Structure formats: C-alpha cells, structure tokens
Amino acid sequence: MSTIMIQSTLIENLVQFAITDGNEVVEVSEGWAKVKQVVHMRRPLSPAVQDLATSQGLRHWSVEPTPHNKAEEGFTDDLDKVSVTFPCR
C-alpha cells in the first residue's frame, strides 16, 4: 500500500488508524462515478474506527447484500470524493 496515494487526508488518517487497530487494505480502486477513489478494507469496521470517522465528520453509509456482492459499510469524504469500505459482519 505504500506506493498508493490516498487522495483524502481524512480517509488516509482513518485508514492508518484502522491498520493500527488490526485491519488491512485489500485494494484501492479508482474511476467510480460518484467518487474518485475507494479504499477497500479486509475486516469489518471496529467501534474505535467508527468513532474516529464520526468525529472527523465523514459521511457514513451502508449497502445491503446482493446476489453478487456482500453487504458493506463505509465512510466518504464528500469534499475530496474518496471513500473507505468495510465488509459487514
């Protein structure tokens, strides 16, 4: 992950905190319609990471599972148009 630049300071800080909390980045994807970049995390969102994201004013969202995708939740920095996503438990 060290070669990939996350295009939002708020999301970068949240991702780094999640890593120290025991999570890890699976991939960073770009080219989405509503956001420039999405950081995909391996493990579900922890309460500590959720508290940090909420305190930073990031917008929380969640998606129900579909036949092709698992349920996930995450946060978006609407100013920089960057998101981080976590699989749901």
C-alpha atoms as a PDB file:
ATOM      1  CA  MET A   1       0.000   0.000   0.000  1.00  0.00           C
ATOM      2  CA  SER A   2       2.918   2.366   0.473  1.00  0.00           C
ATOM      3  CA  THR A   3       3.003   3.106  -3.276  1.00  0.00           C
ATOM      4  CA  ILE A   4      -0.672   4.133  -3.443  1.00  0.00           C
ATOM      5  CA  MET A   5      -1.560   7.689  -2.520  1.00  0.00           C
ATOM      6  CA  ILE A   6      -4.949   8.076  -0.878  1.00  0.00           C
ATOM      7  CA  GLN A   7      -6.421  11.304  -2.236  1.00  0.00           C
ATOM      8  CA  SER A   8      -8.059  12.428   1.037  1.00  0.00           C
ATOM      9  CA  THR A   9      -6.210  13.310   4.218  1.00  0.00           C
ATOM     10  CA  LEU A  10      -9.241  12.379   6.334  1.00  0.00           C
ATOM     11  CA  ILE A  11      -9.582   8.946   4.712  1.00  0.00           C
ATOM     12  CA  GLU A  12      -5.796   8.409   4.849  1.00  0.00           C
ATOM     13  CA  ASN A  13      -5.841   9.133   8.595  1.00  0.00           C
ATOM     14  CA  LEU A  14      -8.800   6.790   9.085  1.00  0.00           C
ATOM     15  CA  VAL A  15      -7.130   4.004   7.083  1.00  0.00           C
ATOM     16  CA  GLN A  16      -3.883   4.362   9.048  1.00  0.00           C
ATOM     17  CA  PHE A  17      -5.841   4.208  12.314  1.00  0.00           C
ATOM     18  CA  ALA A  18      -7.721   1.107  11.071  1.00  0.00           C
ATOM     19  CA  ILE A  19      -4.390  -0.546  10.233  1.00  0.00           C
ATOM     20  CA  THR A  20      -3.040   0.111  13.734  1.00  0.00           C
ATOM     21  CA  ASP A  21      -6.364  -1.272  15.023  1.00  0.00           C
ATOM     22  CA  GLY A  22      -5.647  -4.600  13.248  1.00  0.00           C
ATOM     23  CA  ASN A  23      -7.273  -4.123   9.843  1.00  0.00           C
ATOM     24  CA  GLU A  24      -5.565  -4.093   6.441  1.00  0.00           C
ATOM     25  CA  VAL A  25      -6.120  -2.660   2.982  1.00  0.00           C
ATOM     26  CA  VAL A  26      -7.215  -5.171   0.338  1.00  0.00           C
ATOM     27  CA  GLU A  27      -7.088  -2.767  -2.610  1.00  0.00           C
ATOM     28  CA  VAL A  28      -7.570   0.820  -3.701  1.00  0.00           C
ATOM     29  CA  SER A  29      -9.778   1.303  -6.731  1.00  0.00           C
ATOM     30  CA  GLU A  30     -10.350   4.370  -8.863  1.00  0.00           C
ATOM     31  CA  GLY A  31     -12.675   5.521 -11.619  1.00  0.00           C
ATOM     32  CA  TRP A  32     -16.022   5.339  -9.808  1.00  0.00           C
ATOM     33  CA  ALA A  33     -18.904   7.545 -10.941  1.00  0.00           C
ATOM     34  CA  LYS A  34     -19.523   9.394  -7.660  1.00  0.00           C
ATOM     35  CA  VAL A  35     -16.097   9.205  -6.018  1.00  0.00           C
ATOM     36  CA  LYS A  36     -12.532   9.344  -7.329  1.00  0.00           C
ATOM     37  CA  GLN A  37     -11.152   6.578  -5.152  1.00  0.00           C
ATOM     38  CA  VAL A  38     -12.311   3.781  -2.824  1.00  0.00           C
ATOM     39  CA  VAL A  39     -10.112   2.087  -0.224  1.00  0.00           C
ATOM     40  CA  HIS A  40     -11.317  -1.480   0.466  1.00  0.00           C
ATOM     41  CA  MET A  41     -10.525  -2.885   3.929  1.00  0.00           C
ATOM     42  CA  ARG A  42     -10.291  -6.615   4.778  1.00  0.00           C
ATOM     43  CA  ARG A  43     -12.081  -6.752   8.149  1.00  0.00           C
ATOM     44  CA  PRO A  44     -15.337  -5.245   9.449  1.00  0.00           C
ATOM     45  CA  LEU A  45     -15.447  -1.776  10.932  1.00  0.00           C
ATOM     46  CA  SER A  46     -14.383  -1.623  14.584  1.00  0.00           C
ATOM     47  CA  PRO A  47     -16.075   0.684  17.124  1.00  0.00           C
ATOM     48  CA  ALA A  48     -12.827   2.655  17.558  1.00  0.00           C
ATOM     49  CA  VAL A  49     -12.518   3.325  13.813  1.00  0.00           C
ATOM     50  CA  GLN A  50     -16.201   4.256  13.620  1.00  0.00           C
ATOM     51  CA  ASP A  51     -15.778   6.735  16.487  1.00  0.00           C
ATOM     52  CA  LEU A  52     -12.813   8.379  14.751  1.00  0.00           C
ATOM     53  CA  ALA A  53     -14.657   8.624  11.414  1.00  0.00           C
ATOM     54  CA  THR A  54     -17.707  10.135  13.083  1.00  0.00           C
ATOM     55  CA  SER A  55     -15.594  12.668  14.975  1.00  0.00           C
ATOM     56  CA  GLN A  56     -13.965  13.741  11.681  1.00  0.00           C
ATOM     57  CA  GLY A  57     -17.354  14.423  10.093  1.00  0.00           C
ATOM     58  CA  LEU A  58     -17.116  11.725   7.424  1.00  0.00           C
ATOM     59  CA  ARG A  59     -20.449  10.577   5.959  1.00  0.00           C
ATOM     60  CA  HIS A  60     -21.374   7.024   6.987  1.00  0.00           C
ATOM     61  CA  TRP A  61     -23.198   4.739   4.534  1.00  0.00           C
ATOM     62  CA  SER A  62     -24.115   1.071   4.196  1.00  0.00           C
ATOM     63  CA  VAL A  63     -25.292  -1.239   1.411  1.00  0.00           C
ATOM     64  CA  GLU A  64     -27.365  -4.390   1.673  1.00  0.00           C
ATOM     65  CA  PRO A  65     -26.015  -7.607   0.159  1.00  0.00           C
ATOM     66  CA  THR A  66     -26.922  -8.528  -3.410  1.00  0.00           C
ATOM     67  CA  PRO A  67     -26.595 -11.868  -5.204  1.00  0.00           C
ATOM     68  CA  HIS A  68     -23.191 -10.668  -6.479  1.00  0.00           C
ATOM     69  CA  ASN A  69     -21.838  -8.560  -3.589  1.00  0.00           C
ATOM     70  CA  LYS A  70     -21.592  -8.860   0.178  1.00  0.00           C
ATOM     71  CA  ALA A  71     -23.024  -6.207   2.489  1.00  0.00           C
ATOM     72  CA  GLU A  72     -20.614  -3.405   3.294  1.00  0.00           C
ATOM     73  CA  GLU A  73     -20.423  -0.104   5.079  1.00  0.00           C
ATOM     74  CA  GLY A  74     -18.034   2.762   4.970  1.00  0.00           C
ATOM     75  CA  PHE A  75     -17.334   6.449   5.079  1.00  0.00           C
ATOM     76  CA  THR A  76     -16.973   9.110   2.429  1.00  0.00           C
ATOM     77  CA  ASP A  77     -15.068  12.375   2.415  1.00  0.00           C
ATOM     78  CA  ASP A  78     -17.542  14.314   0.257  1.00  0.00           C
ATOM     79  CA  LEU A  79     -15.155  17.236  -0.227  1.00  0.00           C
ATOM     80  CA  ASP A  80     -12.324  15.130  -1.698  1.00  0.00           C
ATOM     81  CA  LYS A  81     -14.690  12.434  -3.077  1.00  0.00           C
ATOM     82  CA  VAL A  82     -12.841   9.489  -1.531  1.00  0.00           C
ATOM     83  CA  SER A  83     -14.412   6.567   0.354  1.00  0.00           C
ATOM     84  CA  VAL A  84     -13.308   3.689   2.555  1.00  0.00           C
ATOM     85  CA  THR A  85     -15.352   0.496   2.717  1.00  0.00           C
ATOM     86  CA  PHE A  86     -15.504  -2.329   5.254  1.00  0.00           C
ATOM     87  CA  PRO A  87     -17.288  -5.696   4.916  1.00  0.00           C
ATOM     88  CA  CYS A  88     -20.261  -6.088   7.268  1.00  0.00           C
ATOM     89  CA  ARG A  89     -20.177  -8.763   9.943  1.00  0.00           C
END
